[in-house]
Amino acid sequence: LDTITLASLQYAVHHLKVKVVMVLGHELCGAVKAAQSAAHMPQEELEQEPSALERVLKAIKAGLGTESLQHLQDSRAHDREAVTENVRRQVERLARDEGVMNKVQQQELMVVGAFYEISSG
C-alpha cells in the first residue's frame, strides 16, 4: 500500500467509522500482469519506468516469487494465484497498521481479502 492509499484507509477507519475494509483483487488484473512482465525485465529497464509505476510494479513483483506460483503451469491458474497473493500481501500490510488492528481487536472493524472473477460475474 502506498502512503496515499493507507492514509485514505486510515481516514475511513478512524473518522468515517467504516465497519469493513475489503481488499478486492480481480481476474485479469492489469497491474499484476504488468508486474509479472516486469519480473522478467532487467532492473535497469524497470528503473526507466515513471517513478510511481516503478514503485507499484516492484511492490507487486516482490510477491510474485512465491513458491505457490512457480509450480503452476496453467496460465489462468497462475494469474489467479498471483492476484490472490497480491491481495494477501495487502491484507497483511493492513494487519501491521496499529490503528487498524486496534479497531479489529475492539470488534469495530473487519479486514477481508476477496477475489472477483469477472468472467462469471
C-alpha atoms as a PDB file:
ATOM      1  CA  LEU A   1       0.000   0.000   0.000  1.00  0.00           C
ATOM      2  CA  ASP A   2       1.335   3.405  -0.846  1.00  0.00           C
ATOM      3  CA  THR A   3       1.153   6.313   1.590  1.00  0.00           C
ATOM      4  CA  ILE A   4      -1.891   7.944  -0.005  1.00  0.00           C
ATOM      5  CA  THR A   5      -3.896   4.720  -0.084  1.00  0.00           C
ATOM      6  CA  LEU A   6      -3.003   3.865   3.501  1.00  0.00           C
ATOM      7  CA  ALA A   7      -3.865   7.391   4.654  1.00  0.00           C
ATOM      8  CA  SER A   8      -7.239   7.166   2.879  1.00  0.00           C
ATOM      9  CA  LEU A   9      -7.980   3.850   4.579  1.00  0.00           C
ATOM     10  CA  GLN A  10      -6.913   5.227   7.966  1.00  0.00           C
ATOM     11  CA  TYR A  11      -9.222   8.213   7.461  1.00  0.00           C
ATOM     12  CA  ALA A  12     -12.116   5.909   6.551  1.00  0.00           C
ATOM     13  CA  VAL A  13     -11.480   3.705   9.582  1.00  0.00           C
ATOM     14  CA  HIS A  14     -10.899   6.412  12.183  1.00  0.00           C
ATOM     15  CA  HIS A  15     -13.128   9.264  11.012  1.00  0.00           C
ATOM     16  CA  LEU A  16     -15.833   7.741   8.840  1.00  0.00           C
ATOM     17  CA  LYS A  17     -16.070   4.702  11.136  1.00  0.00           C
ATOM     18  CA  VAL A  18     -16.326   2.168   8.293  1.00  0.00           C
ATOM     19  CA  LYS A  19     -17.035  -1.337   9.544  1.00  0.00           C
ATOM     20  CA  VAL A  20     -15.385  -3.341   6.730  1.00  0.00           C
ATOM     21  CA  VAL A  21     -12.274  -2.837   4.635  1.00  0.00           C
ATOM     22  CA  MET A  22     -12.207  -5.181   1.656  1.00  0.00           C
ATOM     23  CA  VAL A  23      -9.098  -5.684  -0.433  1.00  0.00           C
ATOM     24  CA  LEU A  24     -10.544  -6.912  -3.720  1.00  0.00           C
ATOM     25  CA  GLY A  25      -8.413  -8.470  -6.407  1.00  0.00           C
ATOM     26  CA  HIS A  26      -9.911  -9.333  -9.752  1.00  0.00           C
ATOM     27  CA  GLU A  27      -9.399 -11.709 -12.615  1.00  0.00           C
ATOM     28  CA  LEU A  28      -7.224 -10.348 -15.454  1.00  0.00           C
ATOM     29  CA  CYS A  29      -5.723  -7.622 -13.258  1.00  0.00           C
ATOM     30  CA  GLY A  30      -3.584  -5.381 -15.451  1.00  0.00           C
ATOM     31  CA  ALA A  31      -1.307  -4.278 -12.611  1.00  0.00           C
ATOM     32  CA  VAL A  32      -0.473  -7.872 -11.687  1.00  0.00           C
ATOM     33  CA  LYS A  33       0.074  -8.771 -15.346  1.00  0.00           C
ATOM     34  CA  ALA A  34       2.402  -5.775 -15.706  1.00  0.00           C
ATOM     35  CA  ALA A  35       4.297  -6.856 -12.593  1.00  0.00           C
ATOM     36  CA  GLN A  36       4.593 -10.380 -13.994  1.00  0.00           C
ATOM     37  CA  SER A  37       6.105  -8.899 -17.159  1.00  0.00           C
ATOM     38  CA  ALA A  38       8.385  -6.741 -15.007  1.00  0.00           C
ATOM     39  CA  ALA A  39       9.585  -9.897 -13.249  1.00  0.00           C
ATOM     40  CA  HIS A  40      11.381 -10.811 -16.473  1.00  0.00           C
ATOM     41  CA  MET A  41      12.579  -7.272 -17.107  1.00  0.00           C
ATOM     42  CA  PRO A  42      16.170  -6.270 -16.320  1.00  0.00           C
ATOM     43  CA  GLN A  43      16.406  -3.982 -13.269  1.00  0.00           C
ATOM     44  CA  GLU A  44      17.792  -1.150 -15.410  1.00  0.00           C
ATOM     45  CA  GLU A  45      14.785  -1.332 -17.729  1.00  0.00           C
ATOM     46  CA  LEU A  46      12.352  -1.362 -14.801  1.00  0.00           C
ATOM     47  CA  GLU A  47      14.031   1.755 -13.420  1.00  0.00           C
ATOM     48  CA  GLN A  48      13.261   3.534 -16.711  1.00  0.00           C
ATOM     49  CA  GLU A  49       9.547   3.481 -15.880  1.00  0.00           C
ATOM     50  CA  PRO A  50       7.928   6.572 -14.308  1.00  0.00           C
ATOM     51  CA  SER A  51       8.726   6.557 -10.585  1.00  0.00           C
ATOM     52  CA  ALA A  52       5.197   5.855  -9.288  1.00  0.00           C
ATOM     53  CA  LEU A  53       4.722   2.995 -11.749  1.00  0.00           C
ATOM     54  CA  GLU A  54       8.153   1.610 -10.896  1.00  0.00           C
ATOM     55  CA  ARG A  55       7.284   1.529  -7.170  1.00  0.00           C
ATOM     56  CA  VAL A  56       3.967  -0.230  -7.768  1.00  0.00           C
ATOM     57  CA  LEU A  57       5.489  -2.786 -10.132  1.00  0.00           C
ATOM     58  CA  LYS A  58       8.323  -3.536  -7.706  1.00  0.00           C
ATOM     59  CA  ALA A  59       5.886  -3.921  -4.794  1.00  0.00           C
ATOM     60  CA  ILE A  60       3.628  -6.331  -6.674  1.00  0.00           C
ATOM     61  CA  LYS A  61       6.614  -8.098  -8.243  1.00  0.00           C
ATOM     62  CA  ALA A  62       8.019  -8.797  -4.769  1.00  0.00           C
ATOM     63  CA  GLY A  63       5.029 -11.014  -4.021  1.00  0.00           C
ATOM     64  CA  LEU A  64       5.152 -12.913  -7.280  1.00  0.00           C
ATOM     65  CA  GLY A  65       8.169 -15.023  -6.416  1.00  0.00           C
ATOM     66  CA  THR A  66       6.232 -17.240  -4.062  1.00  0.00           C
ATOM     67  CA  GLU A  67       6.635 -20.974  -4.345  1.00  0.00           C
ATOM     68  CA  SER A  68       2.918 -21.471  -4.976  1.00  0.00           C
ATOM     69  CA  LEU A  69       3.215 -19.562  -8.260  1.00  0.00           C
ATOM     70  CA  GLN A  70       6.298 -21.303  -9.578  1.00  0.00           C
ATOM     71  CA  HIS A  71       4.642 -24.718  -9.865  1.00  0.00           C
ATOM     72  CA  LEU A  72       1.567 -23.585 -11.774  1.00  0.00           C
ATOM     73  CA  GLN A  73       1.609 -24.412 -15.479  1.00  0.00           C
ATOM     74  CA  ASP A  74      -1.898 -23.246 -16.373  1.00  0.00           C
ATOM     75  CA  SER A  75      -1.737 -19.520 -17.191  1.00  0.00           C
ATOM     76  CA  ARG A  76      -5.229 -18.779 -15.872  1.00  0.00           C
ATOM     77  CA  ALA A  77      -4.494 -20.533 -12.578  1.00  0.00           C
ATOM     78  CA  HIS A  78      -1.159 -18.714 -12.387  1.00  0.00           C
ATOM     79  CA  ASP A  79      -2.821 -15.321 -12.939  1.00  0.00           C
ATOM     80  CA  ARG A  80      -5.497 -16.073 -10.332  1.00  0.00           C
ATOM     81  CA  GLU A  81      -2.915 -17.161  -7.765  1.00  0.00           C
ATOM     82  CA  ALA A  82      -0.797 -14.064  -8.482  1.00  0.00           C
ATOM     83  CA  VAL A  83      -3.800 -11.806  -7.861  1.00  0.00           C
ATOM     84  CA  THR A  84      -4.802 -13.624  -4.674  1.00  0.00           C
ATOM     85  CA  GLU A  85      -1.203 -13.485  -3.438  1.00  0.00           C
ATOM     86  CA  ASN A  86      -1.223  -9.728  -4.016  1.00  0.00           C
ATOM     87  CA  VAL A  87      -4.491  -9.423  -2.070  1.00  0.00           C
ATOM     88  CA  ARG A  88      -2.979 -11.499   0.738  1.00  0.00           C
ATOM     89  CA  ARG A  89       0.074  -9.229   0.891  1.00  0.00           C
ATOM     90  CA  GLN A  90      -2.094  -6.100   1.032  1.00  0.00           C
ATOM     91  CA  VAL A  91      -4.215  -7.547   3.860  1.00  0.00           C
ATOM     92  CA  GLU A  92      -1.011  -8.445   5.709  1.00  0.00           C
ATOM     93  CA  ARG A  93       0.181  -4.864   5.237  1.00  0.00           C
ATOM     94  CA  LEU A  94      -3.033  -3.567   6.789  1.00  0.00           C
ATOM     95  CA  ALA A  95      -2.565  -6.018   9.663  1.00  0.00           C
ATOM     96  CA  ARG A  96       0.703  -4.236  10.504  1.00  0.00           C
ATOM     97  CA  ASP A  97      -1.116  -0.936  10.985  1.00  0.00           C
ATOM     98  CA  GLU A  98      -1.583  -0.437  14.722  1.00  0.00           C
ATOM     99  CA  GLY A  99      -4.661   1.772  14.411  1.00  0.00           C
ATOM    100  CA  VAL A 100      -6.419  -0.597  12.030  1.00  0.00           C
ATOM    101  CA  MET A 101      -5.628  -3.592  14.220  1.00  0.00           C
ATOM    102  CA  ASN A 102      -6.856  -1.799  17.346  1.00  0.00           C
ATOM    103  CA  LYS A 103     -10.232  -1.393  15.643  1.00  0.00           C
ATOM    104  CA  VAL A 104     -10.199  -5.064  14.603  1.00  0.00           C
ATOM    105  CA  GLN A 105      -9.374  -6.182  18.154  1.00  0.00           C
ATOM    106  CA  GLN A 106     -12.179  -3.995  19.518  1.00  0.00           C
ATOM    107  CA  GLN A 107     -14.501  -5.710  17.004  1.00  0.00           C
ATOM    108  CA  GLU A 108     -15.264  -2.377  15.360  1.00  0.00           C
ATOM    109  CA  LEU A 109     -13.699  -3.328  12.019  1.00  0.00           C
ATOM    110  CA  MET A 110     -13.261  -6.325   9.749  1.00  0.00           C
ATOM    111  CA  VAL A 111     -10.472  -6.503   7.180  1.00  0.00           C
ATOM    112  CA  VAL A 112     -11.096  -9.073   4.454  1.00  0.00           C
ATOM    113  CA  GLY A 113      -9.494 -10.094   1.195  1.00  0.00           C
ATOM    114  CA  ALA A 114     -11.518 -11.274  -1.783  1.00  0.00           C
ATOM    115  CA  PHE A 115     -11.197 -12.274  -5.420  1.00  0.00           C
ATOM    116  CA  TYR A 116     -13.684 -11.238  -8.113  1.00  0.00           C
ATOM    117  CA  GLU A 117     -13.999 -13.460 -11.145  1.00  0.00           C
ATOM    118  CA  ILE A 118     -15.072 -11.100 -13.906  1.00  0.00           C
ATOM    119  CA  SER A 119     -15.853 -13.889 -16.360  1.00  0.00           C
ATOM    120  CA  SER A 120     -18.586 -15.335 -14.146  1.00  0.00           C
ATOM    121  CA  GLY A 121     -19.829 -12.030 -12.742  1.00  0.00           C
END
